[in-house]
Every structure is written in structure tokens, then in C-alpha cells.
Amino acid sequence: MIREPQILACSGALYPPADYRHPGAQIWQAMRLADVRRPRVCLIATATGDSREHITGWYERAGSFGDAELSHLTLFTQPNVPDVRAHLRAQDVIFVSGGSVVNLLAVWRAHRLEEILRECWESGVVLAGQSAGSLCWHLGGVTDSFGDRLDVVADGLAFLPFSNGVHEDGVALHYVGTRLHEAVAVLPERHACFIEPGPGGSHRETAIPARLWMP
């Protein structure tokens, strides 16, 4: 049975309270969306340069959320799996790390991951990620990939026909197809925002309440 296409675009809990005990809770949310007993979950950490430290930490966090078959895809210096398309198509969840979205997009396009990930999405694999791994699915957004001064990236994968401003702390946007289904949070009293142009160069900002959804 083919599931509807889903994306969980997360902002991460950059500044959690001192008593926060659920690092990796947004990975758990993505696993729950897959709705299978033992989800196959693959991390893609291209945005970190395939940082070994990040990958190791991800296994520790993801492994704390129940029975899942975990793997990762690295592209430096070459793919760590013999058939990238087959490996990714076999997953229930693909989770993309934060880091440099500009470098991520360049490397993915060199390896033709753009078309593979679209196939995965259309076949029902849940696509998820934080920060760069959230922004990448959209038309574009604001990034610090070029330096501390914020700049615009306008060549995202465009699976979702919107821009994305990440780091509404601890909030994720759950899309079904290209429709925003709901916002979910791993911290209380958080919300997302919908921003649209207003008259005379102004803008309108509408709060989107986020449902607290925790392990």
C-alpha cells in the first residue's frame, strides 16, 4: 500500500529548557508518521560534510525511540552503499541533518539525489529533517550558509511550493502532499507563522498553533 507523500520540516529545539529530556523527539515524530511497526530510517548528513560525530550522535538519539532499523547515507568521499536509489527507496523515513543547505543542494545534485528523493516522496517515504534538512524541501529560504550575515537561497528542491524560515524553536511543519496539515511541537507554548505580502511593501504574519506531540 502506497502512503500519501509526507514531509516533516523541523526547526529543532536549539534552546531547550534545562529540564528538557527528549533530544531527538522530532526523529520520533517522523517515525510515527511512517505508521509501521519497525520503521526503516535513514539519516543523510550531507549538510554536515558527513560528520562522523553527528552520525554517531544520531544513532544514539534515534535508537532511544523504540524498535527501528537505522542506517545512514554518506556521500564523502563516495557513497557508503552500493545502490543509493535502492537503499533510499527501501526506507520508511529519510531524515536530513542541519548544516549548510547550500553545500547540501550542490552535492545532492551532483549525485542526482534530487530525482531519487522525489521518487521516495511520491512513493510514500516520509521525508524529514531539521534546519537545512527542513529548508531543502521548499523553494528556498534564508540561510547562513555563506557566512554570519543572512542571505537567501532560492534553488531548493521545490517539492513544497513555499519558502521556509527555520528555527521557530522546537516546531515542525507536517505536510501531506503539498498541503500544510498541521504544526507540531516538542516544546510547550510554541507556534509557527505564515507570512505573506501586504500592501505597500508590508507583510502580514499569522500565527499557526502547534500541537505538542512528545514521546
Protein backbone atom coordinates (compact mmCIF):
# COMPACT_ATOMS: atom_id res chain seq x y z
CA MET A 1 0.00 0.00 0.00
CA ILE A 2 1.40 3.40 -1.02
CA ARG A 3 1.16 6.11 1.63
CA GLU A 4 0.41 9.72 0.78
CA PRO A 5 3.52 11.88 0.31
CA GLN A 6 4.55 13.43 3.63
CA ILE A 7 7.22 15.88 4.73
CA LEU A 8 8.04 16.85 8.31
CA ALA A 9 10.02 20.10 8.10
CA CYS A 10 11.52 20.66 11.55
CA SER A 11 13.16 23.66 13.16
CA GLY A 12 14.81 21.77 16.00
CA ALA A 13 14.99 22.67 19.69
CA LEU A 14 18.03 24.93 19.60
CA TYR A 15 17.44 26.42 23.05
CA PRO A 16 15.61 23.79 25.10
CA PRO A 17 14.93 24.38 28.79
CA ALA A 18 17.38 22.91 31.31
CA ASP A 19 14.97 20.09 32.20
CA TYR A 20 14.32 19.03 28.59
CA ARG A 21 14.68 15.24 28.38
CA HIS A 22 13.74 14.41 24.81
CA PRO A 23 16.61 15.13 22.40
CA GLY A 24 15.71 13.61 19.07
CA ALA A 25 11.96 13.89 19.65
CA GLN A 26 11.44 15.16 16.10
CA ILE A 27 13.04 11.97 14.79
CA TRP A 28 10.41 10.11 16.82
CA GLN A 29 7.68 12.26 15.26
CA ALA A 30 8.87 11.31 11.77
CA MET A 31 8.93 7.63 12.73
CA ARG A 32 5.36 7.88 13.98
CA LEU A 33 4.23 9.39 10.67
CA ALA A 34 5.54 6.31 8.87
CA ASP A 35 2.96 4.25 10.80
CA VAL A 36 4.79 0.92 10.62
CA ARG A 37 5.81 -1.36 13.48
CA ARG A 38 9.56 -1.31 12.80
CA PRO A 39 10.34 1.66 10.54
CA ARG A 40 13.42 1.72 8.36
CA VAL A 41 15.02 5.12 8.99
CA CYS A 42 17.99 6.54 7.10
CA LEU A 43 19.98 9.63 8.09
CA ILE A 44 21.50 11.83 5.39
CA ALA A 45 24.09 14.15 6.94
CA THR A 46 25.47 15.76 3.78
CA ALA A 47 24.90 19.24 5.21
CA THR A 48 27.48 18.48 7.93
CA GLY A 49 30.02 17.15 5.44
CA ASP A 50 29.05 13.65 6.64
CA SER A 51 30.38 14.43 10.10
CA ARG A 52 31.18 11.20 11.91
CA GLU A 53 30.40 12.83 15.25
CA HIS A 54 26.95 13.88 14.04
CA ILE A 55 26.17 10.44 12.61
CA THR A 56 27.23 8.71 15.83
CA GLY A 57 25.09 11.06 17.90
CA TRP A 58 22.12 10.48 15.61
CA TYR A 59 22.27 6.71 16.17
CA GLU A 60 22.26 7.34 19.92
CA ARG A 61 19.22 9.65 19.74
CA ALA A 62 17.20 7.72 17.17
CA GLY A 63 17.90 4.41 18.87
CA SER A 64 16.21 5.60 22.04
CA PHE A 65 12.79 5.80 20.39
CA GLY A 66 11.85 2.16 20.05
CA ASP A 67 12.36 -0.58 17.53
CA ALA A 68 13.64 0.80 14.22
CA GLU A 69 16.05 -0.34 11.53
CA LEU A 70 18.57 2.50 11.37
CA SER A 71 21.04 3.35 8.63
CA HIS A 72 22.80 6.34 7.14
CA LEU A 73 23.90 7.53 3.72
CA THR A 74 27.25 9.28 3.30
CA LEU A 75 28.49 10.76 0.01
CA PHE A 76 32.06 11.71 1.05
CA THR A 77 34.30 10.52 -0.43
CA GLN A 78 31.91 8.17 -2.21
CA PRO A 79 28.53 6.64 -1.29
CA ASN A 80 28.71 4.10 1.52
CA VAL A 81 26.01 1.89 -0.04
CA PRO A 82 26.33 0.09 -3.40
CA ASP A 83 23.00 1.36 -4.81
CA VAL A 84 21.85 4.73 -3.44
CA ARG A 85 18.47 4.64 -5.18
CA ALA A 86 17.63 1.15 -3.95
CA HIS A 87 18.71 1.97 -0.39
CA LEU A 88 16.65 5.15 -0.15
CA ARG A 89 13.59 3.70 -1.88
CA ALA A 90 13.59 0.90 0.72
CA GLN A 91 13.23 3.31 3.66
CA ASP A 92 10.12 4.36 5.59
CA VAL A 93 11.72 7.61 6.79
CA ILE A 94 14.59 9.70 5.45
CA PHE A 95 15.86 12.23 8.00
CA VAL A 96 18.19 15.02 6.82
CA SER A 97 20.52 16.82 9.23
CA GLY A 98 21.11 20.51 9.66
CA GLY A 99 24.24 22.24 8.43
CA SER A 100 24.92 24.03 5.14
CA VAL A 101 21.88 23.88 2.86
CA VAL A 102 23.89 25.42 0.01
CA ASN A 103 26.52 22.66 0.14
CA LEU A 104 23.82 20.02 0.63
CA LEU A 105 21.98 21.05 -2.55
CA ALA A 106 25.17 21.18 -4.63
CA VAL A 107 26.35 17.74 -3.54
CA TRP A 108 22.91 16.17 -3.89
CA ARG A 109 22.56 17.45 -7.44
CA ALA A 110 25.99 16.14 -8.35
CA HIS A 111 24.85 12.69 -7.15
CA ARG A 112 21.34 13.03 -8.70
CA LEU A 113 19.69 12.70 -5.30
CA GLU A 114 17.10 15.30 -6.26
CA GLU A 115 15.29 12.86 -8.57
CA ILE A 116 15.78 9.91 -6.20
CA LEU A 117 14.33 11.79 -3.23
CA ARG A 118 11.34 12.91 -5.31
CA GLU A 119 10.70 9.26 -6.19
CA CYS A 120 10.90 8.37 -2.49
CA TRP A 121 8.48 11.16 -1.53
CA GLU A 122 5.97 10.28 -4.23
CA SER A 123 6.07 6.60 -3.21
CA GLY A 124 5.25 7.41 0.44
CA VAL A 125 8.63 7.54 2.16
CA VAL A 126 8.39 10.20 4.89
CA LEU A 127 10.93 12.97 4.23
CA ALA A 128 12.02 14.88 7.31
CA GLY A 129 14.85 16.96 8.66
CA GLN A 130 15.98 19.90 10.75
CA SER A 131 17.25 23.32 9.71
CA ALA A 132 19.00 22.72 6.35
CA GLY A 133 17.15 19.40 6.27
CA SER A 134 13.90 21.34 6.64
CA LEU A 135 14.61 24.21 4.26
CA CYS A 136 15.78 21.97 1.39
CA TRP A 137 12.32 20.61 0.52
CA HIS A 138 10.97 24.13 -0.16
CA LEU A 139 11.51 26.68 -2.91
CA GLY A 140 14.12 28.33 -0.71
CA GLY A 141 14.55 30.50 2.35
CA VAL A 142 17.03 32.42 4.46
CA THR A 143 20.36 30.80 5.27
CA ASP A 144 23.68 31.48 6.97
CA SER A 145 25.46 29.02 4.66
CA PHE A 146 27.53 31.83 3.11
CA GLY A 147 28.56 33.43 6.41
CA ASP A 148 27.19 35.03 9.55
CA ARG A 149 25.25 37.58 7.50
CA LEU A 150 21.97 36.01 6.43
CA ASP A 151 21.40 35.51 2.72
CA VAL A 152 18.75 33.93 0.52
CA VAL A 153 18.86 30.51 -1.10
CA ALA A 154 16.34 30.31 -3.96
CA ASP A 155 17.13 26.96 -5.56
CA GLY A 156 15.67 24.47 -3.09
CA LEU A 157 14.23 21.17 -4.29
CA ALA A 158 10.78 22.80 -4.52
CA PHE A 159 8.81 19.71 -3.56
CA LEU A 160 6.85 22.24 -1.48
CA PRO A 161 5.83 25.48 -3.26
CA PHE A 162 6.70 27.76 -0.34
CA SER A 163 9.73 29.40 1.23
CA ASN A 164 10.75 28.29 4.71
CA GLY A 165 12.24 30.27 7.58
CA VAL A 166 13.63 27.76 10.05
CA HIS A 167 14.16 27.98 13.81
CA GLU A 168 10.73 28.58 15.22
CA ASP A 169 12.29 26.76 18.13
CA GLY A 170 11.04 23.19 18.56
CA VAL A 171 8.28 23.40 15.92
CA ALA A 172 7.81 21.26 12.80
CA LEU A 173 5.51 21.64 9.80
CA HIS A 174 3.76 18.46 8.71
CA TYR A 175 2.80 18.49 5.05
CA VAL A 176 0.60 15.90 3.35
CA GLY A 177 1.27 16.24 -0.35
CA THR A 178 1.92 19.97 -0.72
CA ARG A 179 -0.75 20.94 1.84
CA LEU A 180 0.17 22.01 5.36
CA HIS A 181 -1.64 19.51 7.57
CA GLU A 182 -0.58 20.89 10.97
CA ALA A 183 2.27 22.27 13.04
CA VAL A 184 3.63 20.06 15.82
CA ALA A 185 5.99 20.98 18.64
CA VAL A 186 8.37 19.31 21.07
CA LEU A 187 8.28 22.29 23.46
CA PRO A 188 5.15 23.83 25.02
CA GLU A 189 3.70 27.20 24.02
CA ARG A 190 5.37 27.30 20.60
CA HIS A 191 3.84 28.16 17.24
CA ALA A 192 4.72 28.54 13.57
CA CYS A 193 3.98 31.62 11.46
CA PHE A 194 2.56 32.14 7.98
CA ILE A 195 3.94 35.30 6.40
CA GLU A 196 2.52 36.83 3.22
CA PRO A 197 2.98 40.14 1.38
CA GLY A 198 0.82 43.07 2.41
CA PRO A 199 0.12 46.44 0.80
CA GLY A 200 2.87 48.96 0.20
CA GLY A 201 5.73 46.55 0.77
CA SER A 202 4.43 45.47 4.17
CA HIS A 203 3.70 41.92 5.27
CA ARG A 204 1.05 40.05 7.22
CA GLU A 205 2.02 37.48 9.83
CA THR A 206 -0.45 34.85 11.06
CA ALA A 207 0.34 32.51 13.96
CA ILE A 208 -0.18 28.78 13.35
CA PRO A 209 -0.81 26.98 16.67
CA ALA A 210 1.40 23.92 17.16
CA ARG A 211 0.18 20.72 18.76
CA LEU A 212 2.54 19.46 21.47
CA TRP A 213 3.50 15.94 20.35
CA MET A 214 6.02 14.14 22.54
CA PRO A 215 7.30 10.57 23.02
